[in-house]
C-alpha atoms as a PDB file:
ATOM      1  CA  MET A   1      53.593  72.097 -48.644  1.00  0.00           C
ATOM      2  CA  MET A   2      54.536  69.841 -46.243  1.00  0.00           C
ATOM      3  CA  PRO A   3      52.091  68.824 -43.560  1.00  0.00           C
ATOM      4  CA  PRO A   4      52.857  70.519 -39.838  1.00  0.00           C
ATOM      5  CA  GLN A   5      53.235  67.051 -37.945  1.00  0.00           C
ATOM      6  CA  ALA A   6      55.591  65.572 -40.415  1.00  0.00           C
ATOM      7  CA  ALA A   7      58.125  68.446 -39.232  1.00  0.00           C
ATOM      8  CA  LEU A   8      56.719  69.173 -36.160  1.00  0.00           C
ATOM      9  CA  GLY A   9      55.562  65.971 -34.665  1.00  0.00           C
ATOM     10  CA  ALA A  10      53.302  65.181 -32.370  1.00  0.00           C
ATOM     11  CA  GLN A  11      54.672  67.716 -29.555  1.00  0.00           C
ATOM     12  CA  GLY A  12      55.629  70.693 -31.876  1.00  0.00           C
ATOM     13  CA  PHE A  13      59.314  71.723 -31.368  1.00  0.00           C
ATOM     14  CA  GLU A  14      61.199  74.481 -29.469  1.00  0.00           C
ATOM     15  CA  PHE A  15      62.540  77.689 -31.318  1.00  0.00           C
ATOM     16  CA  ARG A  16      64.004  80.316 -29.096  1.00  0.00           C
ATOM     17  CA  GLY A  17      63.182  78.604 -25.813  1.00  0.00           C
ATOM     18  CA  ARG A  18      59.599  78.491 -26.936  1.00  0.00           C
ATOM     19  CA  ILE A  19      57.954  75.715 -27.699  1.00  0.00           C
ATOM     20  CA  PHE A  20      55.086  75.545 -30.719  1.00  0.00           C
ATOM     21  CA  THR A  21      52.276  73.098 -31.156  1.00  0.00           C
ATOM     22  CA  SER A  22      50.853  71.827 -34.128  1.00  0.00           C
ATOM     23  CA  GLN A  23      47.646  74.791 -33.086  1.00  0.00           C
ATOM     24  CA  ASP A  24      50.445  77.614 -33.030  1.00  0.00           C
ATOM     25  CA  ILE A  25      51.984  76.079 -36.413  1.00  0.00           C
ATOM     26  CA  THR A  26      48.209  76.249 -37.941  1.00  0.00           C
ATOM     27  CA  LEU A  27      47.146  79.945 -36.930  1.00  0.00           C
ATOM     28  CA  ILE A  28      51.112  81.151 -38.091  1.00  0.00           C
ATOM     29  CA  GLN A  29      50.129  79.374 -41.519  1.00  0.00           C
ATOM     30  CA  GLU A  30      46.754  81.592 -41.544  1.00  0.00           C
ATOM     31  CA  VAL A  31      47.897  84.550 -40.621  1.00  0.00           C
ATOM     32  CA  VAL A  32      50.514  84.382 -43.598  1.00  0.00           C
ATOM     33  CA  ALA A  33      48.390  82.708 -46.293  1.00  0.00           C
ATOM     34  CA  SER A  34      45.668  86.065 -45.031  1.00  0.00           C
ATOM     35  CA  CYS A  35      48.088  88.437 -44.916  1.00  0.00           C
ATOM     36  CA  GLY A  36      50.000  87.762 -48.419  1.00  0.00           C
ATOM     37  CA  ARG A  37      50.927  91.341 -49.287  1.00  0.00           C
ATOM     38  CA  VAL A  38      52.290  92.151 -46.367  1.00  0.00           C
ATOM     39  CA  GLY A  39      56.317  92.299 -46.161  1.00  0.00           C
ATOM     40  CA  ARG A  40      57.928  89.799 -43.573  1.00  0.00           C
ATOM     41  CA  GLN A  41      58.665  92.187 -41.107  1.00  0.00           C
ATOM     42  CA  GLU A  42      54.851  93.236 -40.580  1.00  0.00           C
ATOM     43  CA  LEU A  43      54.049  89.700 -40.584  1.00  0.00           C
ATOM     44  CA  ALA A  44      56.361  88.882 -37.808  1.00  0.00           C
ATOM     45  CA  ALA A  45      54.887  91.446 -35.930  1.00  0.00           C
ATOM     46  CA  THR A  46      51.466  90.454 -36.361  1.00  0.00           C
ATOM     47  CA  VAL A  47      51.979  86.894 -35.472  1.00  0.00           C
ATOM     48  CA  ALA A  48      54.202  87.484 -32.418  1.00  0.00           C
ATOM     49  CA  GLU A  49      51.289  89.802 -31.106  1.00  0.00           C
ATOM     50  CA  LEU A  50      48.825  86.970 -31.872  1.00  0.00           C
ATOM     51  CA  LEU A  51      51.073  84.415 -29.671  1.00  0.00           C
ATOM     52  CA  GLN A  52      51.879  87.047 -27.284  1.00  0.00           C
ATOM     53  CA  TRP A  53      55.768  86.038 -27.354  1.00  0.00           C
ATOM     54  CA  GLN A  54      57.283  88.898 -25.547  1.00  0.00           C
ATOM     55  CA  ARG A  55      60.300  89.916 -23.907  1.00  0.00           C
ATOM     56  CA  PRO A  56      60.201  89.912 -20.230  1.00  0.00           C
ATOM     57  CA  ASN A  57      59.709  94.175 -20.802  1.00  0.00           C
ATOM     58  CA  GLY A  58      56.880  93.607 -22.494  1.00  0.00           C
ATOM     59  CA  SER A  59      58.015  94.148 -26.106  1.00  0.00           C
ATOM     60  CA  ALA A  60      57.176  91.873 -28.757  1.00  0.00           C
ATOM     61  CA  LYS A  61      59.861  89.232 -30.424  1.00  0.00           C
ATOM     62  CA  THR A  62      59.431  90.443 -33.881  1.00  0.00           C
ATOM     63  CA  ARG A  63      62.727  89.741 -34.660  1.00  0.00           C
ATOM     64  CA  GLU A  64      63.124  86.401 -33.634  1.00  0.00           C
ATOM     65  CA  CYS A  65      59.680  85.614 -34.740  1.00  0.00           C
ATOM     66  CA  ARG A  66      61.157  86.881 -38.163  1.00  0.00           C
ATOM     67  CA  ASP A  67      63.501  84.196 -37.969  1.00  0.00           C
ATOM     68  CA  LEU A  68      60.931  81.410 -36.640  1.00  0.00           C
ATOM     69  CA  LEU A  69      58.382  82.551 -40.502  1.00  0.00           C
ATOM     70  CA  GLU A  70      61.504  82.020 -42.102  1.00  0.00           C
ATOM     71  CA  ARG A  71      62.519  79.019 -40.667  1.00  0.00           C
ATOM     72  CA  MET A  72      59.378  77.019 -41.694  1.00  0.00           C
ATOM     73  CA  MET A  73      59.480  78.223 -44.949  1.00  0.00           C
ATOM     74  CA  ALA A  74      62.939  76.710 -45.480  1.00  0.00           C
ATOM     75  CA  ASP A  75      60.905  73.560 -43.886  1.00  0.00           C
ATOM     76  CA  GLN A  76      58.615  73.961 -46.475  1.00  0.00           C
ATOM     77  CA  LEU A  77      55.965  74.750 -43.809  1.00  0.00           C
ATOM     78  CA  LEU A  78      54.266  78.381 -45.423  1.00  0.00           C
ATOM     79  CA  GLU A  79      55.551  80.722 -48.117  1.00  0.00           C
ATOM     80  CA  LEU A  80      56.240  83.965 -47.131  1.00  0.00           C
ATOM     81  CA  PRO A  81      56.167  87.352 -49.629  1.00  0.00           C
ATOM     82  CA  GLU A  82      59.402  88.156 -51.408  1.00  0.00           C
ATOM     83  CA  LEU A  83      61.720  90.112 -49.436  1.00  0.00           C
ATOM     84  CA  ARG A  84      61.607  93.671 -50.114  1.00  0.00           C
ATOM     85  CA  ARG A  85      65.146  95.523 -50.667  1.00  0.00           C
ATOM     86  CA  THR A  86      65.797  96.124 -47.149  1.00  0.00           C
ATOM     87  CA  LYS A  87      69.167  94.725 -45.569  1.00  0.00           C
ATOM     88  CA  PRO A  88      68.641  91.362 -43.896  1.00  0.00           C
ATOM     89  CA  ARG A  89      70.048  90.560 -40.559  1.00  0.00           C
ATOM     90  CA  GLY A  90      73.439  89.090 -40.851  1.00  0.00           C
ATOM     91  CA  SER A  91      74.133  90.766 -44.285  1.00  0.00           C
ATOM     92  CA  THR A  92      76.986  93.539 -44.945  1.00  0.00           C
ATOM     93  CA  THR A  93      75.496  97.119 -45.198  1.00  0.00           C
ATOM     94  CA  GLN A  94      77.098 100.022 -46.912  1.00  0.00           C
ATOM     95  CA  VAL A  95      79.841 102.045 -45.015  1.00  0.00           C
ATOM     96  CA  PRO A  96      80.358 105.600 -45.228  1.00  0.00           C
ATOM     97  CA  VAL A  97      83.505 107.064 -45.601  1.00  0.00           C
ATOM     98  CA  THR A  98      83.574 110.653 -44.036  1.00  0.00           C
ATOM     99  CA  ASP A  99      86.597 112.890 -42.142  1.00  0.00           C
ATOM    100  CA  ARG A 100      84.559 111.772 -38.586  1.00  0.00           C
ATOM    101  CA  GLY A 101      86.004 107.847 -39.256  1.00  0.00           C
ATOM    102  CA  ALA A 102      89.612 108.831 -41.262  1.00  0.00           C
ATOM    103  CA  GLU A 103      92.803 107.847 -39.423  1.00  0.00           C
ATOM    104  CA  GLY A 104      93.441 110.175 -36.277  1.00  0.00           C
ATOM    105  CA  GLN A 105      96.440 111.046 -34.600  1.00  0.00           C
ATOM    106  CA  LEU A 106      98.929 108.419 -33.059  1.00  0.00           C
ATOM    107  CA  LEU A 107      98.146 107.660 -29.540  1.00  0.00           C
ATOM    108  CA  VAL A 108     100.251 106.061 -27.271  1.00  0.00           C
ATOM    109  CA  GLY A 109     100.886 105.337 -23.422  1.00  0.00           C
ATOM    110  CA  THR A 110      99.360 103.940 -20.770  1.00  0.00           C
ATOM    111  CA  LEU A 111      95.745 103.629 -19.239  1.00  0.00           C
ATOM    112  CA  ARG A 112      96.638 107.404 -17.262  1.00  0.00           C
ATOM    113  CA  ASP A 113      97.446 109.114 -19.793  1.00  0.00           C
ATOM    114  CA  VAL A 114      94.124 109.103 -21.113  1.00  0.00           C
ATOM    115  CA  ALA A 115      92.082 108.088 -18.084  1.00  0.00           C
ATOM    116  CA  PRO A 116      89.031 108.240 -17.625  1.00  0.00           C
ATOM    117  CA  VAL A 117      87.727 105.950 -20.119  1.00  0.00           C
ATOM    118  CA  SER A 118      84.212 105.599 -20.478  1.00  0.00           C
ATOM    119  CA  LEU A 119      81.740 103.612 -22.633  1.00  0.00           C
ATOM    120  CA  GLN A 120      78.949 105.751 -24.737  1.00  0.00           C
ATOM    121  CA  LEU A 121      75.924 103.382 -25.604  1.00  0.00           C
ATOM    122  CA  VAL A 122      75.181 104.337 -28.871  1.00  0.00           C
ATOM    123  CA  LYS A 123      71.451 106.111 -29.623  1.00  0.00           C
ATOM    124  CA  GLU A 124      71.540 109.270 -31.426  1.00  0.00           C
ATOM    125  CA  PRO A 125      71.258 108.297 -35.946  1.00  0.00           C
ATOM    126  CA  ARG A 126      74.938 110.522 -35.987  1.00  0.00           C
ATOM    127  CA  ASP A 127      76.298 108.094 -33.464  1.00  0.00           C
ATOM    128  CA  ARG A 128      75.280 104.893 -35.550  1.00  0.00           C
ATOM    129  CA  LEU A 129      76.618 106.397 -38.277  1.00  0.00           C
ATOM    130  CA  LEU A 130      80.243 107.027 -37.267  1.00  0.00           C
ATOM    131  CA  TRP A 131      80.071 103.081 -35.474  1.00  0.00           C
ATOM    132  CA  ARG A 132      79.065 101.676 -38.342  1.00  0.00           C
ATOM    133  CA  GLU A 133      81.856 103.533 -40.239  1.00  0.00           C
ATOM    134  CA  LEU A 134      84.088 102.879 -37.631  1.00  0.00           C
ATOM    135  CA  VAL A 135      83.344  99.289 -37.202  1.00  0.00           C
ATOM    136  CA  GLY A 136      82.976  98.625 -41.376  1.00  0.00           C
ATOM    137  CA  ARG A 137      86.873 100.371 -42.196  1.00  0.00           C
ATOM    138  CA  TYR A 138      88.544  99.295 -39.543  1.00  0.00           C
ATOM    139  CA  HIS A 139      87.270  95.531 -37.892  1.00  0.00           C
ATOM    140  CA  TYR A 140      88.133  92.664 -40.086  1.00  0.00           C
ATOM    141  CA  LEU A 141      84.685  91.257 -39.999  1.00  0.00           C
ATOM    142  CA  GLY A 142      83.507  94.194 -40.927  1.00  0.00           C
ATOM    143  CA  HIS A 143      80.307  96.056 -40.431  1.00  0.00           C
ATOM    144  CA  LYS A 144      76.778  93.129 -40.584  1.00  0.00           C
ATOM    145  CA  VAL A 145      73.235  93.630 -39.457  1.00  0.00           C
ATOM    146  CA  PRO A 146      73.278  91.937 -36.398  1.00  0.00           C
ATOM    147  CA  PHE A 147      70.986  89.177 -35.043  1.00  0.00           C
ATOM    148  CA  GLY A 148      68.493  89.497 -31.993  1.00  0.00           C
ATOM    149  CA  ALA A 149      68.951  91.640 -29.452  1.00  0.00           C
ATOM    150  CA  HIS A 150      71.706  94.364 -29.199  1.00  0.00           C
ATOM    151  CA  LEU A 151      73.700  97.540 -27.795  1.00  0.00           C
ATOM    152  CA  ARG A 152      76.521  99.341 -29.041  1.00  0.00           C
ATOM    153  CA  TYR A 153      78.949 101.734 -27.576  1.00  0.00           C
ATOM    154  CA  LEU A 154      81.704 104.151 -28.436  1.00  0.00           C
ATOM    155  CA  ILE A 155      84.766 103.586 -26.128  1.00  0.00           C
ATOM    156  CA  GLN A 156      86.082 107.391 -25.517  1.00  0.00           C
ATOM    157  CA  ALA A 157      89.587 108.433 -23.725  1.00  0.00           C
ATOM    158  CA  HIS A 158      89.383 111.317 -22.070  1.00  0.00           C
ATOM    159  CA  LYS A 159      92.968 112.844 -21.688  1.00  0.00           C
ATOM    160  CA  PRO A 160      94.496 114.772 -23.365  1.00  0.00           C
ATOM    161  CA  GLU A 161      91.088 115.288 -25.024  1.00  0.00           C
ATOM    162  CA  PRO A 162      88.124 113.408 -25.285  1.00  0.00           C
ATOM    163  CA  VAL A 163      88.482 110.964 -28.452  1.00  0.00           C
ATOM    164  CA  VAL A 164      86.868 108.066 -29.825  1.00  0.00           C
ATOM    165  CA  VAL A 165      89.404 105.417 -29.318  1.00  0.00           C
ATOM    166  CA  GLY A 166      86.996 102.073 -30.498  1.00  0.00           C
ATOM    167  CA  CYS A 167      83.756 100.665 -30.663  1.00  0.00           C
ATOM    168  CA  LEU A 168      81.938  97.160 -28.734  1.00  0.00           C
ATOM    169  CA  GLN A 169      78.965  95.737 -30.136  1.00  0.00           C
ATOM    170  CA  MET A 170      76.840  93.125 -27.138  1.00  0.00           C
ATOM    171  CA  SER A 171      74.347  90.814 -29.198  1.00  0.00           C
ATOM    172  CA  SER A 172      72.136  87.456 -28.321  1.00  0.00           C
ATOM    173  CA  PRO A 173      73.961  84.817 -27.561  1.00  0.00           C
ATOM    174  CA  ALA A 174      75.182  81.957 -29.532  1.00  0.00           C
ATOM    175  CA  TRP A 175      71.462  78.901 -29.255  1.00  0.00           C
ATOM    176  CA  ARG A 176      73.937  75.855 -29.056  1.00  0.00           C
ATOM    177  CA  LEU A 177      77.531  76.573 -27.990  1.00  0.00           C
ATOM    178  CA  SER A 178      79.004  72.708 -26.549  1.00  0.00           C
ATOM    179  CA  ALA A 179      81.734  74.369 -24.750  1.00  0.00           C
ATOM    180  CA  ARG A 180      79.662  76.547 -23.086  1.00  0.00           C
ATOM    181  CA  ASP A 181      76.859  74.432 -22.190  1.00  0.00           C
ATOM    182  CA  ARG A 182      78.862  71.221 -21.030  1.00  0.00           C
ATOM    183  CA  TRP A 183      80.550  74.140 -18.920  1.00  0.00           C
ATOM    184  CA  ILE A 184      77.082  75.566 -17.392  1.00  0.00           C
ATOM    185  CA  GLY A 185      75.859  71.970 -17.358  1.00  0.00           C
ATOM    186  CA  TRP A 186      72.608  72.617 -17.853  1.00  0.00           C
ATOM    187  CA  SER A 187      69.493  70.496 -19.374  1.00  0.00           C
ATOM    188  CA  ASP A 188      67.584  71.274 -22.630  1.00  0.00           C
ATOM    189  CA  PRO A 189      64.507  72.894 -20.453  1.00  0.00           C
ATOM    190  CA  CYS A 190      66.705  75.550 -18.744  1.00  0.00           C
ATOM    191  CA  ARG A 191      68.338  76.414 -21.631  1.00  0.00           C
ATOM    192  CA  ALA A 192      65.640  77.333 -23.241  1.00  0.00           C
ATOM    193  CA  ARG A 193      64.507  79.405 -20.477  1.00  0.00           C
ATOM    194  CA  ASN A 194      67.785  80.960 -19.367  1.00  0.00           C
ATOM    195  CA  LEU A 195      69.513  81.423 -23.146  1.00  0.00           C
ATOM    196  CA  GLN A 196      68.722  85.044 -22.805  1.00  0.00           C
ATOM    197  CA  ARG A 197      70.456  85.773 -19.990  1.00  0.00           C
ATOM    198  CA  ILE A 198      73.793  85.159 -21.521  1.00  0.00           C
ATOM    199  CA  VAL A 199      74.880  88.047 -23.676  1.00  0.00           C
ATOM    200  CA  ASN A 200      77.455  87.996 -26.750  1.00  0.00           C
ATOM    201  CA  ASN A 201      80.377  90.108 -27.448  1.00  0.00           C
ATOM    202  CA  SER A 202      80.150  89.756 -31.249  1.00  0.00           C
ATOM    203  CA  ARG A 203      82.414  93.063 -31.937  1.00  0.00           C
ATOM    204  CA  PHE A 204      85.462  94.430 -30.363  1.00  0.00           C
ATOM    205  CA  LEU A 205      87.420  97.293 -31.836  1.00  0.00           C
ATOM    206  CA  LEU A 206      90.191  99.506 -31.016  1.00  0.00           C
ATOM    207  CA  LEU A 207      91.291 101.667 -33.390  1.00  0.00           C
ATOM    208  CA  PRO A 208      94.387 100.894 -35.333  1.00  0.00           C
ATOM    209  CA  TRP A 209      96.591 103.918 -34.080  1.00  0.00           C
ATOM    210  CA  VAL A 210      95.410 103.620 -30.628  1.00  0.00           C
ATOM    211  CA  LYS A 211      98.206 102.003 -28.615  1.00  0.00           C
ATOM    212  CA  VAL A 212      98.062 102.487 -25.308  1.00  0.00           C
ATOM    213  CA  ARG A 213      98.889  99.519 -22.797  1.00  0.00           C
ATOM    214  CA  ASN A 214      96.145  97.616 -20.884  1.00  0.00           C
ATOM    215  CA  LEU A 215      93.111  99.407 -22.331  1.00  0.00           C
ATOM    216  CA  ALA A 216      91.467  96.672 -24.092  1.00  0.00           C
ATOM    217  CA  SER A 217      91.420  94.582 -20.613  1.00  0.00           C
ATOM    218  CA  HIS A 218      90.277  98.068 -19.203  1.00  0.00           C
ATOM    219  CA  VAL A 219      87.473  98.337 -21.447  1.00  0.00           C
ATOM    220  CA  LEU A 220      85.853  94.695 -20.979  1.00  0.00           C
ATOM    221  CA  ALA A 221      86.201  95.479 -17.004  1.00  0.00           C
ATOM    222  CA  THR A 222      83.993  98.512 -17.110  1.00  0.00           C
ATOM    223  CA  LEU A 223      81.582  96.591 -19.829  1.00  0.00           C
ATOM    224  CA  SER A 224      81.432  93.519 -17.466  1.00  0.00           C
ATOM    225  CA  GLN A 225      79.399  96.438 -15.154  1.00  0.00           C
ATOM    226  CA  ARG A 226      77.752  98.902 -17.269  1.00  0.00           C
ATOM    227  CA  ILE A 227      76.125  95.705 -19.684  1.00  0.00           C
ATOM    228  CA  VAL A 228      74.176  94.387 -16.437  1.00  0.00           C
ATOM    229  CA  ILE A 229      72.298  97.766 -15.980  1.00  0.00           C
ATOM    230  CA  ASP A 230      71.884  98.470 -19.922  1.00  0.00           C
ATOM    231  CA  TRP A 231      70.724  95.212 -21.078  1.00  0.00           C
ATOM    232  CA  GLU A 232      68.423  95.001 -18.028  1.00  0.00           C
ATOM    233  CA  LYS A 233      66.871  98.653 -18.836  1.00  0.00           C
ATOM    234  CA  ALA A 234      66.863  97.887 -23.070  1.00  0.00           C
ATOM    235  CA  TYR A 235      65.536  94.174 -22.805  1.00  0.00           C
ATOM    236  CA  GLY A 236      64.036  93.102 -19.511  1.00  0.00           C
ATOM    237  CA  VAL A 237      66.391  90.519 -18.729  1.00  0.00           C
ATOM    238  CA  ARG A 238      69.270  90.757 -15.976  1.00  0.00           C
ATOM    239  CA  PRO A 239      72.504  89.100 -17.568  1.00  0.00           C
ATOM    240  CA  LEU A 240      74.383  86.515 -15.666  1.00  0.00           C
ATOM    241  CA  LEU A 241      77.433  85.535 -18.326  1.00  0.00           C
ATOM    242  CA  LEU A 242      79.090  87.693 -21.203  1.00  0.00           C
ATOM    243  CA  GLU A 243      80.267  85.274 -23.982  1.00  0.00           C
ATOM    244  CA  THR A 244      82.747  85.705 -27.092  1.00  0.00           C
ATOM    245  CA  PHE A 245      84.570  84.085 -30.124  1.00  0.00           C
ATOM    246  CA  VAL A 246      88.414  84.708 -30.617  1.00  0.00           C
ATOM    247  CA  ASP A 247      90.033  83.691 -33.890  1.00  0.00           C
ATOM    248  CA  HIS A 248      92.380  82.226 -32.797  1.00  0.00           C
ATOM    249  CA  GLN A 249      94.237  82.633 -36.414  1.00  0.00           C
ATOM    250  CA  ARG A 250      94.515  86.405 -35.765  1.00  0.00           C
ATOM    251  CA  PHE A 251      94.388  86.604 -32.282  1.00  0.00           C
ATOM    252  CA  LYS A 252      95.181  85.710 -28.629  1.00  0.00           C
ATOM    253  CA  GLY A 253      92.739  86.850 -26.898  1.00  0.00           C
ATOM    254  CA  THR A 254      95.071  88.473 -23.816  1.00  0.00           C
ATOM    255  CA  CYS A 255      93.008  91.230 -23.092  1.00  0.00           C
ATOM    256  CA  TYR A 256      90.040  88.647 -22.166  1.00  0.00           C
ATOM    257  CA  ARG A 257      92.398  86.698 -20.297  1.00  0.00           C
ATOM    258  CA  ALA A 258      93.869  89.746 -18.584  1.00  0.00           C
ATOM    259  CA  ALA A 259      90.257  91.137 -17.739  1.00  0.00           C
ATOM    260  CA  ASN A 260      89.597  87.266 -16.181  1.00  0.00           C
ATOM    261  CA  TRP A 261      87.332  85.754 -18.814  1.00  0.00           C
ATOM    262  CA  ILE A 262      87.733  81.874 -18.762  1.00  0.00           C
ATOM    263  CA  TRP A 263      88.470  79.712 -21.678  1.00  0.00           C
ATOM    264  CA  LEU A 264      86.527  76.922 -22.287  1.00  0.00           C
ATOM    265  CA  GLY A 265      87.769  75.259 -25.707  1.00  0.00           C
ATOM    266  CA  LEU A 266      87.000  76.129 -29.417  1.00  0.00           C
ATOM    267  CA  THR A 267      83.654  76.054 -31.061  1.00  0.00           C
ATOM    268  CA  GLN A 268      82.793  73.607 -33.929  1.00  0.00           C
ATOM    269  CA  GLY A 269      83.252  76.173 -36.676  1.00  0.00           C
ATOM    270  CA  ARG A 270      79.898  76.063 -38.187  1.00  0.00           C
ATOM    271  CA  GLY A 271      78.530  79.883 -37.491  1.00  0.00           C
ATOM    272  CA  ARG A 272      75.241  80.437 -36.631  1.00  0.00           C
ATOM    273  CA  MET A 273      73.090  79.789 -39.786  1.00  0.00           C
ATOM    274  CA  ASP A 274      74.722  76.112 -40.781  1.00  0.00           C
ATOM    275  CA  ARG A 275      71.357  74.315 -40.193  1.00  0.00           C
ATOM    276  CA  GLN A 276      73.125  71.311 -42.083  1.00  0.00           C
ATOM    277  CA  LYS A 277      76.463  71.128 -40.492  1.00  0.00           C
ATOM    278  CA  ALA A 278      77.882  71.435 -43.848  1.00  0.00           C
ATOM    279  CA  ARG A 279      80.782  74.064 -42.306  1.00  0.00           C
ATOM    280  CA  VAL A 280      82.036  72.056 -39.153  1.00  0.00           C
ATOM    281  CA  GLY A 281      85.870  72.753 -38.696  1.00  0.00           C
ATOM    282  CA  VAL A 282      86.065  75.102 -41.175  1.00  0.00           C
ATOM    283  CA  ASP A 283      86.372  78.181 -38.989  1.00  0.00           C
ATOM    284  CA  PRO A 284      86.710  76.937 -35.130  1.00  0.00           C
ATOM    285  CA  LYS A 285      87.382  80.079 -32.796  1.00  0.00           C
ATOM    286  CA  ASP A 286      87.902  80.422 -29.271  1.00  0.00           C
ATOM    287  CA  ILE A 287      85.351  80.560 -26.592  1.00  0.00           C
ATOM    288  CA  PHE A 288      85.847  82.625 -23.287  1.00  0.00           C
ATOM    289  CA  VAL A 289      82.986  83.520 -20.918  1.00  0.00           C
ATOM    290  CA  PHE A 290      82.694  85.877 -17.587  1.00  0.00           C
ATOM    291  CA  PRO A 291      80.175  85.646 -15.351  1.00  0.00           C
ATOM    292  CA  LEU A 292      78.466  88.346 -14.033  1.00  0.00           C
ATOM    293  CA  ALA A 293      77.053  87.307 -11.406  1.00  0.00           C
ATOM    294  CA  LYS A 294      77.837  85.204  -8.085  1.00  0.00           C
ATOM    295  CA  LYS A 295      76.882  81.759  -8.496  1.00  0.00           C
ATOM    296  CA  ALA A 296      76.094  82.090 -12.586  1.00  0.00           C
ATOM    297  CA  ARG A 297      75.927  78.795 -13.814  1.00  0.00           C
ATOM    298  CA  THR A 298      74.217  77.596 -11.055  1.00  0.00           C
ATOM    299  CA  ARG A 299      71.561  80.241 -11.636  1.00  0.00           C
ATOM    300  CA  LEU A 300      71.779  79.411 -15.178  1.00  0.00           C
ATOM    301  CA  ARG A 301      70.833  75.442 -14.227  1.00  0.00           C
ATOM    302  CA  THR A 302      67.942  76.929 -12.216  1.00  0.00           C
ATOM    303  CA  LEU A 303      64.390  76.066 -13.776  1.00  0.00           C
END
């Protein structure tokens, strides 16, 4: 096994906005070695508690800690137990096929014809199954277990009768994003401190039989008001900026532009997990952002 200093250097290393020292790494290695029969999720919870790695609301950063453990294993700093037969984050999941998710009647018209339009935060198991089915069946990226913190919404129209017309998913931001980071103008310490004040719109689906003019931009405007409250309530962090990626080979990003989102450029086309930069330029996407507060960039640059 590679000694910690060989991979970390004298000052440790940064991961998800936290600096881990050689002492931290030694502690993690000791915990993993002494709890060999414990699953990875339990190990992550234990390490997060020992290191007091918490969100502002006091909950442990178990998800981030599990990513740290797997990163350390990839760097040959420790050995983790074999994965249990559960779905890892980022993997596709089995999508239910039920009458609830079947194609509905064509809905055509204007916002006035279907208003009010509301966002229902997904909390109940029944709603989770419906969200997963709709996204899995009708979104071109399908349903995948999200990375990090996330919230999901069902989009509902209320005329001529209440009906679900789409889905939204908000999740943790991209760790590094050249065009976004240049636009903000923050230093690495500021980015490490304030990154979690950015929220990513990682899924946006209007069901294919819904043809309501200006509905998409209206949903985005409604989202910009709801997400600040809902995200802070769930995670103890008040977001300052939304971001999203649009596949320009499929979409023009018209609804984001209409909702006053700002186009920043293209991603490098690598994907979240491409640490070796093997996929540079393979799948670039348009980057759009939306400030949620006055002087959002200035506040994101503040230590």
